[in-house]
Amino acid sequence: MENKAFDQSLLGKRIREVRKSNGYTTRGAADQLNISQTYLRQIESGKSTKTPNLAVFVSICNLFHISPDYLLQDQLVENELSAVKDAAALYKKTSYSTQKVVLAMLNAAMEELEKQETAES
């Protein structure tokens, strides 16, 4: 498995993007996070040694209603759990009728895969 080095600039960039997309200024977000505006700018720049501590990181996720893996997606190696979460997020965004179609397609695909595995055994 590939071991990536942590890149603060990628985390800072993603935090800045999320802050802006939620309509927050650095001052407004910093006030909500109970941190200084300077500290938030340092986190977002990724150029300093300022990485948010765990409490601030969790507060950022809660303020912007995002998951930690969203902020860290450029840093993490893909795994089975992240694929399941991605599929679940897509599924939740669809209408009930679309969900029924997707579920039927998954069931059909799983049945076909089981038949192929049985035939190969």
PDB file of N, CA and C in Angstrom:
ATOM      1  N   MET A   1       0.840  -1.178   0.000  1.00  0.00           N
ATOM      2  CA  MET A   1       0.000   0.000   0.000  1.00  0.00           C
ATOM      3  C   MET A   1       0.885   1.241   0.000  1.00  0.00           C
ATOM      4  N   GLU A   2       0.513   2.216  -0.774  1.00  0.00           N
ATOM      5  CA  GLU A   2       1.249   3.467  -0.925  1.00  0.00           C
ATOM      6  C   GLU A   2       1.135   4.296   0.349  1.00  0.00           C
ATOM      7  N   ASN A   3       2.245   4.888   0.808  1.00  0.00           N
ATOM      8  CA  ASN A   3       2.246   5.728   1.989  1.00  0.00           C
ATOM      9  C   ASN A   3       2.539   7.156   1.559  1.00  0.00           C
ATOM     10  N   LYS A   4       1.527   8.018   1.606  1.00  0.00           N
ATOM     11  CA  LYS A   4       1.678   9.395   1.167  1.00  0.00           C
ATOM     12  C   LYS A   4       2.179  10.256   2.316  1.00  0.00           C
ATOM     13  N   ALA A   5       3.014  11.220   2.000  1.00  0.00           N
ATOM     14  CA  ALA A   5       3.437  12.209   2.987  1.00  0.00           C
ATOM     15  C   ALA A   5       2.326  13.246   3.128  1.00  0.00           C
ATOM     16  N   PHE A   6       2.095  13.706   4.336  1.00  0.00           N
ATOM     17  CA  PHE A   6       1.046  14.691   4.584  1.00  0.00           C
ATOM     18  C   PHE A   6       1.439  16.032   3.980  1.00  0.00           C
ATOM     19  N   ASP A   7       0.539  16.630   3.224  1.00  0.00           N
ATOM     20  CA  ASP A   7       0.779  17.911   2.575  1.00  0.00           C
ATOM     21  C   ASP A   7      -0.186  18.941   3.155  1.00  0.00           C
ATOM     22  N   GLN A   8       0.320  19.817   4.004  1.00  0.00           N
ATOM     23  CA  GLN A   8      -0.509  20.827   4.659  1.00  0.00           C
ATOM     24  C   GLN A   8      -1.196  21.747   3.667  1.00  0.00           C
ATOM     25  N   SER A   9      -0.545  22.015   2.549  1.00  0.00           N
ATOM     26  CA  SER A   9      -1.132  22.944   1.582  1.00  0.00           C
ATOM     27  C   SER A   9      -2.422  22.387   0.980  1.00  0.00           C
ATOM     28  N   LEU A  10      -2.491  21.065   0.778  1.00  0.00           N
ATOM     29  CA  LEU A  10      -3.712  20.467   0.249  1.00  0.00           C
ATOM     30  C   LEU A  10      -4.858  20.573   1.243  1.00  0.00           C
ATOM     31  N   LEU A  11      -4.569  20.334   2.518  1.00  0.00           N
ATOM     32  CA  LEU A  11      -5.587  20.472   3.555  1.00  0.00           C
ATOM     33  C   LEU A  11      -6.055  21.919   3.644  1.00  0.00           C
ATOM     34  N   GLY A  12      -5.119  22.854   3.666  1.00  0.00           N
ATOM     35  CA  GLY A  12      -5.472  24.267   3.743  1.00  0.00           C
ATOM     36  C   GLY A  12      -6.301  24.720   2.562  1.00  0.00           C
ATOM     37  N   LYS A  13      -5.935  24.255   1.376  1.00  0.00           N
ATOM     38  CA  LYS A  13      -6.677  24.611   0.162  1.00  0.00           C
ATOM     39  C   LYS A  13      -8.111  24.114   0.244  1.00  0.00           C
ATOM     40  N   ARG A  14      -8.303  22.888   0.695  1.00  0.00           N
ATOM     41  CA  ARG A  14      -9.647  22.323   0.791  1.00  0.00           C
ATOM     42  C   ARG A  14     -10.471  23.067   1.843  1.00  0.00           C
ATOM     43  N   ILE A  15      -9.866  23.418   2.966  1.00  0.00           N
ATOM     44  CA  ILE A  15     -10.577  24.175   4.002  1.00  0.00           C
ATOM     45  C   ILE A  15     -11.003  25.530   3.454  1.00  0.00           C
ATOM     46  N   ARG A  16     -10.106  26.203   2.736  1.00  0.00           N
ATOM     47  CA  ARG A  16     -10.429  27.502   2.143  1.00  0.00           C
ATOM     48  C   ARG A  16     -11.585  27.373   1.148  1.00  0.00           C
ATOM     49  N   GLU A  17     -11.543  26.348   0.295  1.00  0.00           N
ATOM     50  CA  GLU A  17     -12.612  26.123  -0.684  1.00  0.00           C
ATOM     51  C   GLU A  17     -13.956  25.906   0.006  1.00  0.00           C
ATOM     52  N   VAL A  18     -13.962  25.102   1.052  1.00  0.00           N
ATOM     53  CA  VAL A  18     -15.201  24.810   1.768  1.00  0.00           C
ATOM     54  C   VAL A  18     -15.716  26.069   2.471  1.00  0.00           C
ATOM     55  N   ARG A  19     -14.811  26.828   3.064  1.00  0.00           N
ATOM     56  CA  ARG A  19     -15.216  28.065   3.741  1.00  0.00           C
ATOM     57  C   ARG A  19     -15.870  29.011   2.744  1.00  0.00           C
ATOM     58  N   LYS A  20     -15.229  29.212   1.613  1.00  0.00           N
ATOM     59  CA  LYS A  20     -15.762  30.126   0.606  1.00  0.00           C
ATOM     60  C   LYS A  20     -17.089  29.624   0.033  1.00  0.00           C
ATOM     61  N   SER A  21     -17.179  28.338  -0.243  1.00  0.00           N
ATOM     62  CA  SER A  21     -18.414  27.799  -0.818  1.00  0.00           C
ATOM     63  C   SER A  21     -19.585  27.883   0.155  1.00  0.00           C
ATOM     64  N   ASN A  22     -19.279  28.002   1.444  1.00  0.00           N
ATOM     65  CA  ASN A  22     -20.317  28.161   2.453  1.00  0.00           C
ATOM     66  C   ASN A  22     -20.588  29.630   2.770  1.00  0.00           C
ATOM     67  N   GLY A  23     -19.924  30.531   2.032  1.00  0.00           N
ATOM     68  CA  GLY A  23     -20.186  31.956   2.172  1.00  0.00           C
ATOM     69  C   GLY A  23     -19.564  32.621   3.385  1.00  0.00           C
ATOM     70  N   TYR A  24     -18.533  32.018   3.944  1.00  0.00           N
ATOM     71  CA  TYR A  24     -17.876  32.589   5.115  1.00  0.00           C
ATOM     72  C   TYR A  24     -16.640  33.392   4.722  1.00  0.00           C
ATOM     73  N   THR A  25     -16.447  34.504   5.387  1.00  0.00           N
ATOM     74  CA  THR A  25     -15.181  35.219   5.310  1.00  0.00           C
ATOM     75  C   THR A  25     -14.245  34.550   6.309  1.00  0.00           C
ATOM     76  N   THR A  26     -12.962  34.879   6.247  1.00  0.00           N
ATOM     77  CA  THR A  26     -12.050  34.312   7.251  1.00  0.00           C
ATOM     78  C   THR A  26     -12.453  34.791   8.645  1.00  0.00           C
ATOM     79  N   ARG A  27     -12.860  36.035   8.750  1.00  0.00           N
ATOM     80  CA  ARG A  27     -13.282  36.561  10.057  1.00  0.00           C
ATOM     81  C   ARG A  27     -14.511  35.828  10.577  1.00  0.00           C
ATOM     82  N   GLY A  28     -15.528  35.663   9.724  1.00  0.00           N
ATOM     83  CA  GLY A  28     -16.755  34.994  10.142  1.00  0.00           C
ATOM     84  C   GLY A  28     -16.509  33.549  10.550  1.00  0.00           C
ATOM     85  N   ALA A  29     -15.720  32.831   9.760  1.00  0.00           N
ATOM     86  CA  ALA A  29     -15.420  31.432  10.086  1.00  0.00           C
ATOM     87  C   ALA A  29     -14.592  31.340  11.360  1.00  0.00           C
ATOM     88  N   ALA A  30     -13.599  32.214  11.485  1.00  0.00           N
ATOM     89  CA  ALA A  30     -12.749  32.200  12.677  1.00  0.00           C
ATOM     90  C   ALA A  30     -13.582  32.464  13.926  1.00  0.00           C
ATOM     91  N   ASP A  31     -14.516  33.409  13.841  1.00  0.00           N
ATOM     92  CA  ASP A  31     -15.393  33.693  14.982  1.00  0.00           C
ATOM     93  C   ASP A  31     -16.215  32.461  15.351  1.00  0.00           C
ATOM     94  N   GLN A  32     -16.776  31.799  14.355  1.00  0.00           N
ATOM     95  CA  GLN A  32     -17.582  30.600  14.608  1.00  0.00           C
ATOM     96  C   GLN A  32     -16.738  29.456  15.175  1.00  0.00           C
ATOM     97  N   LEU A  33     -15.481  29.381  14.753  1.00  0.00           N
ATOM     98  CA  LEU A  33     -14.579  28.316  15.200  1.00  0.00           C
ATOM     99  C   LEU A  33     -13.890  28.652  16.512  1.00  0.00           C
ATOM    100  N   ASN A  34     -14.074  29.888  16.956  1.00  0.00           N
ATOM    101  CA  ASN A  34     -13.461  30.357  18.198  1.00  0.00           C
ATOM    102  C   ASN A  34     -11.928  30.323  18.125  1.00  0.00           C
ATOM    103  N   ILE A  35     -11.412  30.724  16.949  1.00  0.00           N
ATOM    104  CA  ILE A  35      -9.970  30.840  16.750  1.00  0.00           C
ATOM    105  C   ILE A  35      -9.697  32.214  16.145  1.00  0.00           C
ATOM    106  N   SER A  36      -8.451  32.601  16.106  1.00  0.00           N
ATOM    107  CA  SER A  36      -8.130  33.905  15.515  1.00  0.00           C
ATOM    108  C   SER A  36      -8.169  33.825  13.994  1.00  0.00           C
ATOM    109  N   GLN A  37      -8.439  34.961  13.396  1.00  0.00           N
ATOM    110  CA  GLN A  37      -8.456  35.063  11.941  1.00  0.00           C
ATOM    111  C   GLN A  37      -7.062  34.753  11.393  1.00  0.00           C
ATOM    112  N   THR A  38      -6.042  35.192  12.088  1.00  0.00           N
ATOM    113  CA  THR A  38      -4.655  34.929  11.674  1.00  0.00           C
ATOM    114  C   THR A  38      -4.376  33.431  11.644  1.00  0.00           C
ATOM    115  N   TYR A  39      -4.827  32.732  12.687  1.00  0.00           N
ATOM    116  CA  TYR A  39      -4.618  31.282  12.757  1.00  0.00           C
ATOM    117  C   TYR A  39      -5.315  30.583  11.587  1.00  0.00           C
ATOM    118  N   LEU A  40      -6.550  30.982  11.287  1.00  0.00           N
ATOM    119  CA  LEU A  40      -7.267  30.379  10.166  1.00  0.00           C
ATOM    120  C   LEU A  40      -6.549  30.652   8.847  1.00  0.00           C
ATOM    121  N   ARG A  41      -6.072  31.860   8.669  1.00  0.00           N
ATOM    122  CA  ARG A  41      -5.326  32.174   7.434  1.00  0.00           C
ATOM    123  C   ARG A  41      -4.066  31.318   7.319  1.00  0.00           C
ATOM    124  N   GLN A  42      -3.394  31.107   8.452  1.00  0.00           N
ATOM    125  CA  GLN A  42      -2.183  30.275   8.437  1.00  0.00           C
ATOM    126  C   GLN A  42      -2.529  28.827   8.074  1.00  0.00           C
ATOM    127  N   ILE A  43      -3.634  28.330   8.609  1.00  0.00           N
ATOM    128  CA  ILE A  43      -4.063  26.967   8.266  1.00  0.00           C
ATOM    129  C   ILE A  43      -4.358  26.876   6.775  1.00  0.00           C
ATOM    130  N   GLU A  44      -5.114  27.843   6.273  1.00  0.00           N
ATOM    131  CA  GLU A  44      -5.518  27.821   4.862  1.00  0.00           C
ATOM    132  C   GLU A  44      -4.347  28.003   3.906  1.00  0.00           C
ATOM    133  N   SER A  45      -3.349  28.739   4.327  1.00  0.00           N
ATOM    134  CA  SER A  45      -2.207  28.969   3.431  1.00  0.00           C
ATOM    135  C   SER A  45      -1.370  27.713   3.271  1.00  0.00           C
ATOM    136  N   GLY A  46      -1.314  26.896   4.319  1.00  0.00           N
ATOM    137  CA  GLY A  46      -0.525  25.675   4.268  1.00  0.00           C
ATOM    138  C   GLY A  46       0.962  25.923   4.201  1.00  0.00           C
ATOM    139  N   LYS A  47       1.374  27.198   4.251  1.00  0.00           N
ATOM    140  CA  LYS A  47       2.787  27.534   4.123  1.00  0.00           C
ATOM    141  C   LYS A  47       3.507  27.550   5.463  1.00  0.00           C
ATOM    142  N   SER A  48       2.737  27.670   6.531  1.00  0.00           N
ATOM    143  CA  SER A  48       3.369  27.713   7.851  1.00  0.00           C
ATOM    144  C   SER A  48       3.327  26.323   8.478  1.00  0.00           C
ATOM    145  N   THR A  49       3.737  26.261   9.681  1.00  0.00           N
ATOM    146  CA  THR A  49       3.680  24.991  10.403  1.00  0.00           C
ATOM    147  C   THR A  49       2.356  24.848  11.134  1.00  0.00           C
ATOM    148  N   LYS A  50       1.387  25.664  10.778  1.00  0.00           N
ATOM    149  CA  LYS A  50       0.094  25.645  11.458  1.00  0.00           C
ATOM    150  C   LYS A  50      -0.834  24.615  10.817  1.00  0.00           C
ATOM    151  N   THR A  51      -1.004  23.529  11.496  1.00  0.00           N
ATOM    152  CA  THR A  51      -1.983  22.525  11.126  1.00  0.00           C
ATOM    153  C   THR A  51      -3.026  22.554  12.232  1.00  0.00           C
ATOM    154  N   PRO A  52      -4.313  22.496  11.894  1.00  0.00           N
ATOM    155  CA  PRO A  52      -5.308  22.569  12.967  1.00  0.00           C
ATOM    156  C   PRO A  52      -5.181  21.392  13.931  1.00  0.00           C
ATOM    157  N   ASN A  53      -5.326  21.696  15.228  1.00  0.00           N
ATOM    158  CA  ASN A  53      -5.328  20.591  16.181  1.00  0.00           C
ATOM    159  C   ASN A  53      -6.638  19.827  16.009  1.00  0.00           C
ATOM    160  N   LEU A  54      -6.761  18.706  16.665  1.00  0.00           N
ATOM    161  CA  LEU A  54      -7.918  17.845  16.461  1.00  0.00           C
ATOM    162  C   LEU A  54      -9.228  18.552  16.799  1.00  0.00           C
ATOM    163  N   ALA A  55      -9.257  19.318  17.881  1.00  0.00           N
ATOM    164  CA  ALA A  55     -10.483  20.022  18.269  1.00  0.00           C
ATOM    165  C   ALA A  55     -10.901  21.023  17.191  1.00  0.00           C
ATOM    166  N   VAL A  56      -9.958  21.771  16.643  1.00  0.00           N
ATOM    167  CA  VAL A  56     -10.259  22.742  15.590  1.00  0.00           C
ATOM    168  C   VAL A  56     -10.675  22.006  14.314  1.00  0.00           C
ATOM    169  N   PHE A  57      -9.999  20.926  13.992  1.00  0.00           N
ATOM    170  CA  PHE A  57     -10.327  20.132  12.813  1.00  0.00           C
ATOM    171  C   PHE A  57     -11.780  19.639  12.877  1.00  0.00           C
ATOM    172  N   VAL A  58     -12.174  19.115  14.038  1.00  0.00           N
ATOM    173  CA  VAL A  58     -13.549  18.635  14.222  1.00  0.00           C
ATOM    174  C   VAL A  58     -14.527  19.803  14.129  1.00  0.00           C
ATOM    175  N   SER A  59     -14.165  20.944  14.705  1.00  0.00           N
ATOM    176  CA  SER A  59     -15.029  22.129  14.630  1.00  0.00           C
ATOM    177  C   SER A  59     -15.222  22.581  13.182  1.00  0.00           C
ATOM    178  N   ILE A  60     -14.159  22.524  12.392  1.00  0.00           N
ATOM    179  CA  ILE A  60     -14.253  22.881  10.970  1.00  0.00           C
ATOM    180  C   ILE A  60     -15.242  21.942  10.263  1.00  0.00           C
ATOM    181  N   CYS A  61     -15.106  20.651  10.519  1.00  0.00           N
ATOM    182  CA  CYS A  61     -16.016  19.673   9.903  1.00  0.00           C
ATOM    183  C   CYS A  61     -17.460  19.944  10.309  1.00  0.00           C
ATOM    184  N   ASN A  62     -17.677  20.226  11.583  1.00  0.00           N
ATOM    185  CA  ASN A  62     -19.037  20.486  12.067  1.00  0.00           C
ATOM    186  C   ASN A  62     -19.602  21.789  11.517  1.00  0.00           C
ATOM    187  N   LEU A  63     -18.798  22.837  11.481  1.00  0.00           N
ATOM    188  CA  LEU A  63     -19.270  24.134  10.993  1.00  0.00           C
ATOM    189  C   LEU A  63     -19.731  24.042   9.544  1.00  0.00           C
ATOM    190  N   PHE A  64     -18.969  23.347   8.730  1.00  0.00           N
ATOM    191  CA  PHE A  64     -19.270  23.277   7.304  1.00  0.00           C
ATOM    192  C   PHE A  64     -20.050  22.022   6.911  1.00  0.00           C
ATOM    193  N   HIS A  65     -20.412  21.201   7.902  1.00  0.00           N
ATOM    194  CA  HIS A  65     -21.201  19.981   7.665  1.00  0.00           C
ATOM    195  C   HIS A  65     -20.532  19.073   6.638  1.00  0.00           C
ATOM    196  N   ILE A  66     -19.256  18.801   6.882  1.00  0.00           N
ATOM    197  CA  ILE A  66     -18.493  17.924   5.999  1.00  0.00           C
ATOM    198  C   ILE A  66     -17.817  16.845   6.834  1.00  0.00           C
ATOM    199  N   SER A  67     -17.446  15.774   6.193  1.00  0.00           N
ATOM    200  CA  SER A  67     -16.766  14.689   6.904  1.00  0.00           C
ATOM    201  C   SER A  67     -15.258  14.927   6.877  1.00  0.00           C
ATOM    202  N   PRO A  68     -14.560  14.412   7.876  1.00  0.00           N
ATOM    203  CA  PRO A  68     -13.097  14.550   7.890  1.00  0.00           C
ATOM    204  C   PRO A  68     -12.442  13.988   6.638  1.00  0.00           C
ATOM    205  N   ASP A  69     -12.978  12.880   6.122  1.00  0.00           N
ATOM    206  CA  ASP A  69     -12.360  12.302   4.928  1.00  0.00           C
ATOM    207  C   ASP A  69     -12.521  13.194   3.706  1.00  0.00           C
ATOM    208  N   TYR A  70     -13.524  14.066   3.703  1.00  0.00           N
ATOM    209  CA  TYR A  70     -13.641  15.020   2.602  1.00  0.00           C
ATOM    210  C   TYR A  70     -12.453  15.985   2.624  1.00  0.00           C
ATOM    211  N   LEU A  71     -12.116  16.472   3.815  1.00  0.00           N
ATOM    212  CA  LEU A  71     -10.982  17.400   3.923  1.00  0.00           C
ATOM    213  C   LEU A  71      -9.657  16.715   3.644  1.00  0.00           C
ATOM    214  N   LEU A  72      -9.581  15.442   3.957  1.00  0.00           N
ATOM    215  CA  LEU A  72      -8.315  14.713   3.822  1.00  0.00           C
ATOM    216  C   LEU A  72      -8.240  13.857   2.556  1.00  0.00           C
ATOM    217  N   GLN A  73      -9.234  13.970   1.671  1.00  0.00           N
ATOM    218  CA  GLN A  73      -9.295  13.054   0.540  1.00  0.00           C
ATOM    219  C   GLN A  73      -8.064  13.090  -0.349  1.00  0.00           C
ATOM    220  N   ASP A  74      -7.372  14.209  -0.394  1.00  0.00           N
ATOM    221  CA  ASP A  74      -6.154  14.278  -1.200  1.00  0.00           C
ATOM    222  C   ASP A  74      -4.979  13.608  -0.496  1.00  0.00           C
ATOM    223  N   GLN A  75      -5.163  13.301   0.782  1.00  0.00           N
ATOM    224  CA  GLN A  75      -4.080  12.767   1.597  1.00  0.00           C
ATOM    225  C   GLN A  75      -4.189  11.257   1.841  1.00  0.00           C
ATOM    226  N   LEU A  76      -5.403  10.727   1.740  1.00  0.00           N
ATOM    227  CA  LEU A  76      -5.644   9.344   2.130  1.00  0.00           C
ATOM    228  C   LEU A  76      -5.557   8.391   0.953  1.00  0.00           C
ATOM    229  N   VAL A  77      -5.094   7.209   1.226  1.00  0.00           N
ATOM    230  CA  VAL A  77      -5.066   6.149   0.242  1.00  0.00           C
ATOM    231  C   VAL A  77      -6.490   5.590   0.165  1.00  0.00           C
ATOM    232  N   GLU A  78      -6.986   5.375  -1.032  1.00  0.00           N
ATOM    233  CA  GLU A  78      -8.327   4.820  -1.203  1.00  0.00           C
ATOM    234  C   GLU A  78      -8.419   3.468  -0.506  1.00  0.00           C
ATOM    235  N   ASN A  79      -9.569   3.218   0.101  1.00  0.00           N
ATOM    236  CA  ASN A  79      -9.795   1.934   0.727  1.00  0.00           C
ATOM    237  C   ASN A  79     -11.253   1.546   0.556  1.00  0.00           C
ATOM    238  N   GLU A  80     -11.583   0.354   0.991  1.00  0.00           N
ATOM    239  CA  GLU A  80     -12.934  -0.172   0.799  1.00  0.00           C
ATOM    240  C   GLU A  80     -13.975   0.704   1.488  1.00  0.00           C
ATOM    241  N   LEU A  81     -13.685   1.175   2.692  1.00  0.00           N
ATOM    242  CA  LEU A  81     -14.645   1.991   3.431  1.00  0.00           C
ATOM    243  C   LEU A  81     -14.933   3.304   2.713  1.00  0.00           C
ATOM    244  N   SER A  82     -13.902   3.947   2.154  1.00  0.00           N
ATOM    245  CA  SER A  82     -14.148   5.203   1.445  1.00  0.00           C
ATOM    246  C   SER A  82     -14.999   4.972   0.201  1.00  0.00           C
ATOM    247  N   ALA A  83     -14.836   3.837  -0.457  1.00  0.00           N
ATOM    248  CA  ALA A  83     -15.661   3.528  -1.627  1.00  0.00           C
ATOM    249  C   ALA A  83     -17.115   3.320  -1.212  1.00  0.00           C
ATOM    250  N   VAL A  84     -17.340   2.660  -0.091  1.00  0.00           N
ATOM    251  CA  VAL A  84     -18.697   2.437   0.403  1.00  0.00           C
ATOM    252  C   VAL A  84     -19.339   3.769   0.788  1.00  0.00           C
ATOM    253  N   LYS A  85     -18.594   4.638   1.438  1.00  0.00           N
ATOM    254  CA  LYS A  85     -19.124   5.948   1.819  1.00  0.00           C
ATOM    255  C   LYS A  85     -19.469   6.775   0.589  1.00  0.00           C
ATOM    256  N   ASP A  86     -18.612   6.735  -0.419  1.00  0.00           N
ATOM    257  CA  ASP A  86     -18.891   7.474  -1.660  1.00  0.00           C
ATOM    258  C   ASP A  86     -20.169   6.966  -2.313  1.00  0.00           C
ATOM    259  N   ALA A  87     -20.335   5.643  -2.361  1.00  0.00           N
ATOM    260  CA  ALA A  87     -21.530   5.063  -2.965  1.00  0.00           C
ATOM    261  C   ALA A  87     -22.772   5.433  -2.150  1.00  0.00           C
ATOM    262  N   ALA A  88     -22.661   5.393  -0.832  1.00  0.00           N
ATOM    263  CA  ALA A  88     -23.796   5.739   0.026  1.00  0.00           C
ATOM    264  C   ALA A  88     -24.187   7.204  -0.149  1.00  0.00           C
ATOM    265  N   ALA A  89     -23.211   8.077  -0.269  1.00  0.00           N
ATOM    266  CA  ALA A  89     -23.493   9.504  -0.454  1.00  0.00           C
ATOM    267  C   ALA A  89     -24.217   9.740  -1.775  1.00  0.00           C
ATOM    268  N   LEU A  90     -23.774   9.074  -2.838  1.00  0.00           N
ATOM    269  CA  LEU A  90     -24.452   9.199  -4.123  1.00  0.00           C
ATOM    270  C   LEU A  90     -25.873   8.667  -4.053  1.00  0.00           C
ATOM    271  N   TYR A  91     -26.033   7.529  -3.404  1.00  0.00           N
ATOM    272  CA  TYR A  91     -27.337   6.881  -3.274  1.00  0.00           C
ATOM    273  C   TYR A  91     -28.322   7.794  -2.541  1.00  0.00           C
ATOM    274  N   LYS A  92     -27.875   8.436  -1.474  1.00  0.00           N
ATOM    275  CA  LYS A  92     -28.738   9.311  -0.675  1.00  0.00           C
ATOM    276  C   LYS A  92     -29.196  10.548  -1.445  1.00  0.00           C
ATOM    277  N   LYS A  93     -28.431  10.960  -2.427  1.00  0.00           N
ATOM    278  CA  LYS A  93     -28.763  12.160  -3.196  1.00  0.00           C
ATOM    279  C   LYS A  93     -29.844  11.916  -4.242  1.00  0.00           C
ATOM    280  N   THR A  94     -30.173  10.652  -4.487  1.00  0.00           N
ATOM    281  CA  THR A  94     -31.121  10.337  -5.546  1.00  0.00           C
ATOM    282  C   THR A  94     -32.533  10.192  -5.000  1.00  0.00           C
ATOM    283  N   SER A  95     -33.495  10.224  -5.888  1.00  0.00           N
ATOM    284  CA  SER A  95     -34.897  10.044  -5.512  1.00  0.00           C
ATOM    285  C   SER A  95     -35.146   8.588  -5.124  1.00  0.00           C
ATOM    286  N   TYR A  96     -36.269   8.361  -4.487  1.00  0.00           N
ATOM    287  CA  TYR A  96     -36.627   7.005  -4.072  1.00  0.00           C
ATOM    288  C   TYR A  96     -36.739   6.072  -5.272  1.00  0.00           C
ATOM    289  N   SER A  97     -37.355   6.559  -6.344  1.00  0.00           N
ATOM    290  CA  SER A  97     -37.515   5.702  -7.535  1.00  0.00           C
ATOM    291  C   SER A  97     -36.158   5.351  -8.145  1.00  0.00           C
ATOM    292  N   THR A  98     -35.235   6.301  -8.156  1.00  0.00           N
ATOM    293  CA  THR A  98     -33.885   6.024  -8.660  1.00  0.00           C
ATOM    294  C   THR A  98     -33.168   5.041  -7.742  1.00  0.00           C
ATOM    295  N   GLN A  99     -33.370   5.183  -6.438  1.00  0.00           N
ATOM    296  CA  GLN A  99     -32.757   4.250  -5.488  1.00  0.00           C
ATOM    297  C   GLN A  99     -33.226   2.822  -5.737  1.00  0.00           C
ATOM    298  N   LYS A 100     -34.504   2.657  -6.049  1.00  0.00           N
ATOM    299  CA  LYS A 100     -35.038   1.323  -6.343  1.00  0.00           C
ATOM    300  C   LYS A 100     -34.364   0.738  -7.582  1.00  0.00           C
ATOM    301  N   VAL A 101     -34.168   1.554  -8.603  1.00  0.00           N
ATOM    302  CA  VAL A 101     -33.515   1.090  -9.834  1.00  0.00           C
ATOM    303  C   VAL A 101     -32.064   0.703  -9.549  1.00  0.00           C
ATOM    304  N   VAL A 102     -31.364   1.551  -8.793  1.00  0.00           N
ATOM    305  CA  VAL A 102     -29.961   1.277  -8.457  1.00  0.00           C
ATOM    306  C   VAL A 102     -29.849  -0.015  -7.671  1.00  0.00           C
ATOM    307  N   LEU A 103     -30.734  -0.204  -6.702  1.00  0.00           N
ATOM    308  CA  LEU A 103     -30.706  -1.423  -5.897  1.00  0.00           C
ATOM    309  C   LEU A 103     -30.970  -2.659  -6.749  1.00  0.00           C
ATOM    310  N   ALA A 104     -31.918  -2.562  -7.681  1.00  0.00           N
ATOM    311  CA  ALA A 104     -32.195  -3.685  -8.587  1.00  0.00           C
ATOM    312  C   ALA A 104     -30.979  -3.998  -9.454  1.00  0.00           C
ATOM    313  N   MET A 105     -30.308  -2.952  -9.929  1.00  0.00           N
ATOM    314  CA  MET A 105     -29.109  -3.153 -10.750  1.00  0.00           C
ATOM    315  C   MET A 105     -27.997  -3.809  -9.943  1.00  0.00           C
ATOM    316  N   LEU A 106     -27.811  -3.369  -8.708  1.00  0.00           N
ATOM    317  CA  LEU A 106     -26.785  -3.974  -7.848  1.00  0.00           C
ATOM    318  C   LEU A 106     -27.086  -5.444  -7.580  1.00  0.00           C
ATOM    319  N   ASN A 107     -28.334  -5.731  -7.285  1.00  0.00           N
ATOM    320  CA  ASN A 107     -28.716  -7.124  -7.045  1.00  0.00           C
ATOM    321  C   ASN A 107     -28.463  -7.986  -8.271  1.00  0.00           C
ATOM    322  N   ALA A 108     -28.820  -7.489  -9.448  1.00  0.00           N
ATOM    323  CA  ALA A 108     -28.592  -8.238 -10.684  1.00  0.00           C
ATOM    324  C   ALA A 108     -27.097  -8.447 -10.923  1.00  0.00           C
ATOM    325  N   ALA A 109     -26.314  -7.411 -10.689  1.00  0.00           N
ATOM    326  CA  ALA A 109     -24.865  -7.522 -10.878  1.00  0.00           C
ATOM    327  C   ALA A 109     -24.266  -8.529  -9.899  1.00  0.00           C
ATOM    328  N   MET A 110     -24.711  -8.495  -8.653  1.00  0.00           N
ATOM    329  CA  MET A 110     -24.193  -9.438  -7.656  1.00  0.00           C
ATOM    330  C   MET A 110     -24.560 -10.876  -8.014  1.00  0.00           C
ATOM    331  N   GLU A 111     -25.774 -11.090  -8.473  1.00  0.00           N
ATOM    332  CA  GLU A 111     -26.190 -12.431  -8.885  1.00  0.00           C
ATOM    333  C   GLU A 111     -25.330 -12.933 -10.045  1.00  0.00           C
ATOM    334  N   GLU A 112     -25.066 -12.067 -11.005  1.00  0.00           N
ATOM    335  CA  GLU A 112     -24.238 -12.441 -12.152  1.00  0.00           C
ATOM    336  C   GLU A 112     -22.810 -12.776 -11.715  1.00  0.00           C
ATOM    337  N   LEU A 113     -22.264 -11.975 -10.815  1.00  0.00           N
ATOM    338  CA  LEU A 113     -20.910 -12.256 -10.310  1.00  0.00           C
ATOM    339  C   LEU A 113     -20.856 -13.585  -9.570  1.00  0.00           C
ATOM    340  N   GLU A 114     -21.867 -13.876  -8.790  1.00  0.00           N
ATOM    341  CA  GLU A 114     -21.916 -15.155  -8.071  1.00  0.00           C
ATOM    342  C   GLU A 114     -21.983 -16.325  -9.059  1.00  0.00           C
ATOM    343  N   LYS A 115     -22.759 -16.179 -10.135  1.00  0.00           N
ATOM    344  CA  LYS A 115     -22.845 -17.230 -11.156  1.00  0.00           C
ATOM    345  C   LYS A 115     -21.480 -17.454 -11.794  1.00  0.00           C
ATOM    346  N   GLN A 116     -20.767 -16.361 -12.100  1.00  0.00           N
ATOM    347  CA  GLN A 116     -19.449 -16.492 -12.729  1.00  0.00           C
ATOM    348  C   GLN A 116     -18.460 -17.148 -11.779  1.00  0.00           C
ATOM    349  N   GLU A 117     -18.515 -16.795 -10.499  1.00  0.00           N
ATOM    350  CA  GLU A 117     -17.605 -17.407  -9.519  1.00  0.00           C
ATOM    351  C   GLU A 117     -17.889 -18.887  -9.376  1.00  0.00           C
ATOM    352  N   THR A 118     -19.164 -19.252  -9.384  1.00  0.00           N
ATOM    353  CA  THR A 118     -19.558 -20.656  -9.267  1.00  0.00           C
ATOM    354  C   THR A 118     -19.092 -21.446 -10.483  1.00  0.00           C
ATOM    355  N   ALA A 119     -19.225 -20.857 -11.654  1.00  0.00           N
ATOM    356  CA  ALA A 119     -18.814 -21.514 -12.902  1.00  0.00           C
ATOM    357  C   ALA A 119     -17.292 -21.705 -12.947  1.00  0.00           C
ATOM    358  N   GLU A 120     -16.560 -20.781 -12.359  1.00  0.00           N
ATOM    359  CA  GLU A 120     -15.107 -20.872 -12.369  1.00  0.00           C
ATOM    360  C   GLU A 120     -14.580 -21.872 -11.352  1.00  0.00           C
ATOM    361  N   SER A 121     -15.384 -22.189 -10.354  1.00  0.00           N
ATOM    362  CA  SER A 121     -14.944 -23.123  -9.294  1.00  0.00           C
ATOM    363  C   SER A 121     -14.923 -24.553  -9.736  1.00  0.00           C
TER     364      SER A 121
END
